[in-house]
Amino acid sequence: MNQGKTIALILLTAVFALTVLSCRKPVAEPVPEPTMTYIQFGDRIIQYGIAPLVIDVNGDQVTDFVFGVTLVGDPIRKEDRREYRVSSGVDTYVPVNAQEQLLRLHAGDPVTVTGYPDYNWWPVTSSVLMQRVENAAGVIRWEGWWMGTQKRYLPFRLFTANNWYAGWIEITANPAHGCVVVHRLGISKTPGISIQAGR
């Protein structure tokens, strides 16, 4: 009788242990943060009359981005435009929509190498972030998709060593001060993965 109670107690303990162990949720492994390379530009001001900012993202001595201001005279409309532009290189793709506007991201938004709805990846682009327009009467107005943005992110993908790398550039477009500010750039060291803008 004593031996039966011992066996029953062992079986009961085993069932209890199995029940407790089977109810435990598996502990998820933390997702590692992507390894990034950052380039700090020291809040580089892009303004009319100042030399453009030329960026080589991966140090291969090929220009990947140029930020600058182009003066355009329009005799038909009788106005002058100072176009604050960003141009991309042959291996640097940026998302552009049908209105020729560059995608603007907030901090933490995903930066992918695959794509975004309503945008297509284009290399060798030159896009207006904002522009100052002055007519013949001297009236000035500001226009542009990026106008008035504060620390927003231009996503890009770079093709190098037969792989795609996701990256972003932090930009402010300030018409009140007549400038675009390029703050910093981040690019993943691991090909083919998504990252977060500004992180």
C-alpha atoms as a PDB file:
ATOM      1  CA  MET A   1       0.000   0.000   0.000  1.00  0.00           C
ATOM      2  CA  ASN A   2       2.852   2.335   0.871  1.00  0.00           C
ATOM      3  CA  GLN A   3       4.547   1.566  -2.434  1.00  0.00           C
ATOM      4  CA  GLY A   4       1.306   2.431  -4.338  1.00  0.00           C
ATOM      5  CA  LYS A   5       1.114   5.806  -2.608  1.00  0.00           C
ATOM      6  CA  THR A   6       4.735   6.512  -3.493  1.00  0.00           C
ATOM      7  CA  ILE A   7       4.160   5.667  -7.156  1.00  0.00           C
ATOM      8  CA  ALA A   8       0.974   7.775  -7.210  1.00  0.00           C
ATOM      9  CA  LEU A   9       2.849  10.670  -5.620  1.00  0.00           C
ATOM     10  CA  ILE A  10       5.667  10.372  -8.173  1.00  0.00           C
ATOM     11  CA  LEU A  11       3.151  10.263 -11.048  1.00  0.00           C
ATOM     12  CA  LEU A  12       1.237  13.239  -9.652  1.00  0.00           C
ATOM     13  CA  THR A  13       4.484  15.214  -9.283  1.00  0.00           C
ATOM     14  CA  ALA A  14       5.519  14.321 -12.840  1.00  0.00           C
ATOM     15  CA  VAL A  15       2.124  15.385 -14.255  1.00  0.00           C
ATOM     16  CA  PHE A  16       2.298  18.654 -12.303  1.00  0.00           C
ATOM     17  CA  ALA A  17       5.843  19.358 -13.532  1.00  0.00           C
ATOM     18  CA  LEU A  18       4.894  18.617 -17.135  1.00  0.00           C
ATOM     19  CA  THR A  19       1.842  20.865 -16.851  1.00  0.00           C
ATOM     20  CA  VAL A  20       3.894  23.744 -15.473  1.00  0.00           C
ATOM     21  CA  LEU A  21       6.631  23.306 -18.067  1.00  0.00           C
ATOM     22  CA  SER A  22       4.191  23.003 -20.971  1.00  0.00           C
ATOM     23  CA  CYS A  23       2.414  26.232 -19.935  1.00  0.00           C
ATOM     24  CA  ARG A  24       5.604  28.277 -19.963  1.00  0.00           C
ATOM     25  CA  LYS A  25       5.849  30.538 -22.971  1.00  0.00           C
ATOM     26  CA  PRO A  26       9.092  30.343 -24.870  1.00  0.00           C
ATOM     27  CA  VAL A  27      11.311  33.333 -24.270  1.00  0.00           C
ATOM     28  CA  ALA A  28      11.792  35.249 -27.489  1.00  0.00           C
ATOM     29  CA  GLU A  29      15.337  35.983 -28.417  1.00  0.00           C
ATOM     30  CA  PRO A  30      15.910  39.731 -28.622  1.00  0.00           C
ATOM     31  CA  VAL A  31      16.256  40.997 -32.169  1.00  0.00           C
ATOM     32  CA  PRO A  32      19.733  42.475 -32.511  1.00  0.00           C
ATOM     33  CA  GLU A  33      20.014  46.098 -33.529  1.00  0.00           C
ATOM     34  CA  PRO A  34      21.400  46.445 -37.056  1.00  0.00           C
ATOM     35  CA  THR A  35      25.024  47.484 -37.251  1.00  0.00           C
ATOM     36  CA  MET A  36      25.200  50.949 -38.780  1.00  0.00           C
ATOM     37  CA  THR A  37      27.720  53.388 -40.172  1.00  0.00           C
ATOM     38  CA  TYR A  38      26.998  57.064 -39.453  1.00  0.00           C
ATOM     39  CA  ILE A  39      28.349  60.180 -41.123  1.00  0.00           C
ATOM     40  CA  GLN A  40      27.937  63.446 -39.195  1.00  0.00           C
ATOM     41  CA  PHE A  41      27.782  66.622 -41.296  1.00  0.00           C
ATOM     42  CA  GLY A  42      27.809  69.095 -38.415  1.00  0.00           C
ATOM     43  CA  ASP A  43      24.467  70.606 -39.497  1.00  0.00           C
ATOM     44  CA  ARG A  44      25.892  71.560 -42.893  1.00  0.00           C
ATOM     45  CA  ILE A  45      23.987  74.520 -44.359  1.00  0.00           C
ATOM     46  CA  ILE A  46      23.006  74.387 -48.030  1.00  0.00           C
ATOM     47  CA  GLN A  47      22.380  77.929 -49.230  1.00  0.00           C
ATOM     48  CA  TYR A  48      22.666  80.026 -52.384  1.00  0.00           C
ATOM     49  CA  GLY A  49      26.266  81.125 -52.924  1.00  0.00           C
ATOM     50  CA  ILE A  50      27.761  78.326 -50.788  1.00  0.00           C
ATOM     51  CA  ALA A  51      29.611  75.379 -52.319  1.00  0.00           C
ATOM     52  CA  PRO A  52      27.516  72.195 -52.614  1.00  0.00           C
ATOM     53  CA  LEU A  53      27.858  69.276 -50.229  1.00  0.00           C
ATOM     54  CA  VAL A  54      29.224  66.205 -52.024  1.00  0.00           C
ATOM     55  CA  ILE A  55      28.745  62.849 -50.261  1.00  0.00           C
ATOM     56  CA  ASP A  56      30.541  59.563 -50.891  1.00  0.00           C
ATOM     57  CA  VAL A  57      28.561  57.158 -48.675  1.00  0.00           C
ATOM     58  CA  ASN A  58      30.828  54.108 -48.810  1.00  0.00           C
ATOM     59  CA  GLY A  59      34.255  55.626 -49.484  1.00  0.00           C
ATOM     60  CA  ASP A  60      34.641  54.221 -53.014  1.00  0.00           C
ATOM     61  CA  GLN A  61      35.513  57.672 -54.428  1.00  0.00           C
ATOM     62  CA  VAL A  62      32.220  57.787 -56.349  1.00  0.00           C
ATOM     63  CA  THR A  63      29.768  60.616 -55.648  1.00  0.00           C
ATOM     64  CA  ASP A  64      26.549  59.267 -54.148  1.00  0.00           C
ATOM     65  CA  PHE A  65      24.763  62.549 -53.306  1.00  0.00           C
ATOM     66  CA  VAL A  66      25.135  66.258 -54.021  1.00  0.00           C
ATOM     67  CA  PHE A  67      23.169  68.882 -52.081  1.00  0.00           C
ATOM     68  CA  GLY A  68      23.243  72.355 -53.617  1.00  0.00           C
ATOM     69  CA  VAL A  69      21.321  75.363 -54.913  1.00  0.00           C
ATOM     70  CA  THR A  70      20.726  75.975 -58.617  1.00  0.00           C
ATOM     71  CA  LEU A  71      19.691  79.382 -59.960  1.00  0.00           C
ATOM     72  CA  VAL A  72      17.133  79.110 -62.759  1.00  0.00           C
ATOM     73  CA  GLY A  73      15.839  82.121 -64.739  1.00  0.00           C
ATOM     74  CA  ASP A  74      12.414  81.757 -66.345  1.00  0.00           C
ATOM     75  CA  PRO A  75      11.866  84.515 -68.952  1.00  0.00           C
ATOM     76  CA  ILE A  76       8.353  83.298 -69.827  1.00  0.00           C
ATOM     77  CA  ARG A  77       7.065  83.537 -66.245  1.00  0.00           C
ATOM     78  CA  LYS A  78       9.421  86.431 -65.540  1.00  0.00           C
ATOM     79  CA  GLU A  79      10.756  84.915 -62.368  1.00  0.00           C
ATOM     80  CA  ASP A  80      13.968  83.566 -60.893  1.00  0.00           C
ATOM     81  CA  ARG A  81      14.100  80.368 -58.856  1.00  0.00           C
ATOM     82  CA  ARG A  82      16.673  79.194 -56.363  1.00  0.00           C
ATOM     83  CA  GLU A  83      16.172  75.448 -56.378  1.00  0.00           C
ATOM     84  CA  TYR A  84      17.460  73.612 -53.299  1.00  0.00           C
ATOM     85  CA  ARG A  85      18.261  70.237 -54.834  1.00  0.00           C
ATOM     86  CA  VAL A  86      19.555  66.818 -53.931  1.00  0.00           C
ATOM     87  CA  SER A  87      21.046  64.708 -56.701  1.00  0.00           C
ATOM     88  CA  SER A  88      21.841  61.013 -56.437  1.00  0.00           C
ATOM     89  CA  GLY A  89      24.520  58.949 -58.139  1.00  0.00           C
ATOM     90  CA  VAL A  90      24.466  55.917 -60.387  1.00  0.00           C
ATOM     91  CA  ASP A  91      24.549  53.390 -57.492  1.00  0.00           C
ATOM     92  CA  THR A  92      22.330  55.400 -55.120  1.00  0.00           C
ATOM     93  CA  TYR A  93      18.585  54.982 -55.502  1.00  0.00           C
ATOM     94  CA  VAL A  94      15.933  57.225 -53.914  1.00  0.00           C
ATOM     95  CA  PRO A  95      12.132  56.731 -53.829  1.00  0.00           C
ATOM     96  CA  VAL A  96      10.344  59.179 -56.149  1.00  0.00           C
ATOM     97  CA  ASN A  97       6.588  59.424 -56.769  1.00  0.00           C
ATOM     98  CA  ALA A  98       4.647  60.392 -59.908  1.00  0.00           C
ATOM     99  CA  GLN A  99       4.822  64.083 -58.908  1.00  0.00           C
ATOM    100  CA  GLU A 100       8.638  63.779 -58.774  1.00  0.00           C
ATOM    101  CA  GLN A 101       8.636  64.204 -54.996  1.00  0.00           C
ATOM    102  CA  LEU A 102      11.091  62.405 -52.735  1.00  0.00           C
ATOM    103  CA  LEU A 103       9.730  60.302 -49.900  1.00  0.00           C
ATOM    104  CA  ARG A 104       9.908  61.948 -46.441  1.00  0.00           C
ATOM    105  CA  LEU A 105      10.088  59.714 -43.392  1.00  0.00           C
ATOM    106  CA  HIS A 106       9.716  60.376 -39.675  1.00  0.00           C
ATOM    107  CA  ALA A 107      12.179  59.076 -37.098  1.00  0.00           C
ATOM    108  CA  GLY A 108      11.572  55.365 -36.536  1.00  0.00           C
ATOM    109  CA  ASP A 109       9.854  54.734 -39.880  1.00  0.00           C
ATOM    110  CA  PRO A 110      11.152  51.670 -41.746  1.00  0.00           C
ATOM    111  CA  VAL A 111      13.815  52.107 -44.408  1.00  0.00           C
ATOM    112  CA  THR A 112      13.719  49.127 -46.754  1.00  0.00           C
ATOM    113  CA  VAL A 113      15.598  48.031 -49.825  1.00  0.00           C
ATOM    114  CA  THR A 114      12.399  46.683 -51.398  1.00  0.00           C
ATOM    115  CA  GLY A 115      10.159  49.714 -51.835  1.00  0.00           C
ATOM    116  CA  TYR A 116       7.259  51.910 -50.784  1.00  0.00           C
ATOM    117  CA  PRO A 117       3.688  52.183 -52.105  1.00  0.00           C
ATOM    118  CA  ASP A 118       3.306  54.887 -54.800  1.00  0.00           C
ATOM    119  CA  TYR A 119       7.079  55.402 -55.046  1.00  0.00           C
ATOM    120  CA  ASN A 120       9.657  53.940 -57.409  1.00  0.00           C
ATOM    121  CA  TRP A 121      13.397  53.614 -56.818  1.00  0.00           C
ATOM    122  CA  TRP A 122      15.403  55.828 -59.180  1.00  0.00           C
ATOM    123  CA  PRO A 123      19.162  56.346 -59.532  1.00  0.00           C
ATOM    124  CA  VAL A 124      20.777  59.448 -61.028  1.00  0.00           C
ATOM    125  CA  THR A 125      18.012  61.815 -59.943  1.00  0.00           C
ATOM    126  CA  SER A 126      17.977  65.538 -59.231  1.00  0.00           C
ATOM    127  CA  SER A 127      15.010  66.558 -57.111  1.00  0.00           C
ATOM    128  CA  VAL A 128      13.924  69.917 -55.701  1.00  0.00           C
ATOM    129  CA  LEU A 129      13.475  69.833 -51.932  1.00  0.00           C
ATOM    130  CA  MET A 130      12.203  73.435 -51.851  1.00  0.00           C
ATOM    131  CA  GLN A 131      12.604  76.570 -53.927  1.00  0.00           C
ATOM    132  CA  ARG A 132      12.622  80.330 -53.536  1.00  0.00           C
ATOM    133  CA  VAL A 133      10.705  82.032 -56.353  1.00  0.00           C
ATOM    134  CA  GLU A 134      11.076  85.778 -57.028  1.00  0.00           C
ATOM    135  CA  ASN A 135       9.010  87.494 -59.722  1.00  0.00           C
ATOM    136  CA  ALA A 136       9.883  90.628 -61.736  1.00  0.00           C
ATOM    137  CA  ALA A 137       8.138  92.822 -59.134  1.00  0.00           C
ATOM    138  CA  GLY A 138      10.420  91.458 -56.404  1.00  0.00           C
ATOM    139  CA  VAL A 139       7.716  89.391 -54.681  1.00  0.00           C
ATOM    140  CA  ILE A 140       9.192  86.263 -53.087  1.00  0.00           C
ATOM    141  CA  ARG A 141       7.418  83.016 -52.316  1.00  0.00           C
ATOM    142  CA  TRP A 142       8.630  79.602 -51.173  1.00  0.00           C
ATOM    143  CA  GLU A 143       7.437  76.257 -52.540  1.00  0.00           C
ATOM    144  CA  GLY A 144       8.335  72.599 -52.273  1.00  0.00           C
ATOM    145  CA  TRP A 145       7.443  69.208 -50.882  1.00  0.00           C
ATOM    146  CA  TRP A 146      10.136  69.359 -48.165  1.00  0.00           C
ATOM    147  CA  MET A 147       9.581  73.036 -47.279  1.00  0.00           C
ATOM    148  CA  GLY A 148       9.292  73.577 -43.520  1.00  0.00           C
ATOM    149  CA  THR A 149      10.305  70.040 -42.556  1.00  0.00           C
ATOM    150  CA  GLN A 150      12.333  69.606 -39.388  1.00  0.00           C
ATOM    151  CA  LYS A 151      14.684  66.610 -39.174  1.00  0.00           C
ATOM    152  CA  ARG A 152      12.910  64.352 -41.637  1.00  0.00           C
ATOM    153  CA  TYR A 153      14.560  61.438 -43.383  1.00  0.00           C
ATOM    154  CA  LEU A 154      15.272  60.742 -47.026  1.00  0.00           C
ATOM    155  CA  PRO A 155      15.538  56.960 -47.442  1.00  0.00           C
ATOM    156  CA  PHE A 156      17.922  55.512 -49.989  1.00  0.00           C
ATOM    157  CA  ARG A 157      19.404  52.227 -51.050  1.00  0.00           C
ATOM    158  CA  LEU A 158      22.986  51.832 -52.177  1.00  0.00           C
ATOM    159  CA  PHE A 159      24.138  49.101 -54.550  1.00  0.00           C
ATOM    160  CA  THR A 160      27.698  48.064 -53.776  1.00  0.00           C
ATOM    161  CA  ALA A 161      29.607  44.751 -53.755  1.00  0.00           C
ATOM    162  CA  ASN A 162      26.603  43.116 -55.507  1.00  0.00           C
ATOM    163  CA  ASN A 163      24.279  43.905 -52.564  1.00  0.00           C
ATOM    164  CA  TRP A 164      21.666  46.470 -51.563  1.00  0.00           C
ATOM    165  CA  TYR A 165      22.182  48.472 -48.365  1.00  0.00           C
ATOM    166  CA  ALA A 166      19.450  50.588 -46.726  1.00  0.00           C
ATOM    167  CA  GLY A 167      20.248  54.108 -45.556  1.00  0.00           C
ATOM    168  CA  TRP A 168      18.791  57.494 -44.673  1.00  0.00           C
ATOM    169  CA  ILE A 169      19.780  61.168 -44.633  1.00  0.00           C
ATOM    170  CA  GLU A 170      18.454  63.535 -41.954  1.00  0.00           C
ATOM    171  CA  ILE A 171      17.376  66.869 -43.506  1.00  0.00           C
ATOM    172  CA  THR A 172      15.751  70.129 -42.402  1.00  0.00           C
ATOM    173  CA  ALA A 173      14.334  72.526 -45.031  1.00  0.00           C
ATOM    174  CA  ASN A 174      14.010  75.990 -43.489  1.00  0.00           C
ATOM    175  CA  PRO A 175      12.635  78.749 -45.762  1.00  0.00           C
ATOM    176  CA  ALA A 176      12.691  81.264 -42.885  1.00  0.00           C
ATOM    177  CA  HIS A 177      16.501  81.050 -42.930  1.00  0.00           C
ATOM    178  CA  GLY A 178      16.741  80.408 -46.668  1.00  0.00           C
ATOM    179  CA  CYS A 179      18.552  77.115 -46.296  1.00  0.00           C
ATOM    180  CA  VAL A 180      18.459  73.356 -46.219  1.00  0.00           C
ATOM    181  CA  VAL A 181      20.415  71.710 -43.400  1.00  0.00           C
ATOM    182  CA  VAL A 182      21.953  68.258 -43.831  1.00  0.00           C
ATOM    183  CA  HIS A 183      22.439  66.827 -40.346  1.00  0.00           C
ATOM    184  CA  ARG A 184      23.676  63.256 -40.700  1.00  0.00           C
ATOM    185  CA  LEU A 185      23.480  60.002 -42.630  1.00  0.00           C
ATOM    186  CA  GLY A 186      23.098  56.388 -41.543  1.00  0.00           C
ATOM    187  CA  ILE A 187      23.566  53.219 -43.578  1.00  0.00           C
ATOM    188  CA  SER A 188      23.320  49.563 -42.607  1.00  0.00           C
ATOM    189  CA  LYS A 189      26.496  47.495 -42.617  1.00  0.00           C
ATOM    190  CA  THR A 190      24.394  44.388 -43.339  1.00  0.00           C
ATOM    191  CA  PRO A 191      22.990  43.992 -46.871  1.00  0.00           C
ATOM    192  CA  GLY A 192      19.328  43.379 -47.607  1.00  0.00           C
ATOM    193  CA  ILE A 193      17.839  44.268 -44.217  1.00  0.00           C
ATOM    194  CA  SER A 194      15.441  47.007 -43.187  1.00  0.00           C
ATOM    195  CA  ILE A 195      16.484  49.665 -40.710  1.00  0.00           C
ATOM    196  CA  GLN A 196      14.740  52.552 -38.954  1.00  0.00           C
ATOM    197  CA  ALA A 197      15.080  56.165 -40.012  1.00  0.00           C
ATOM    198  CA  GLY A 198      17.209  58.162 -37.612  1.00  0.00           C
ATOM    199  CA  ARG A 199      18.349  55.145 -35.601  1.00  0.00           C
END
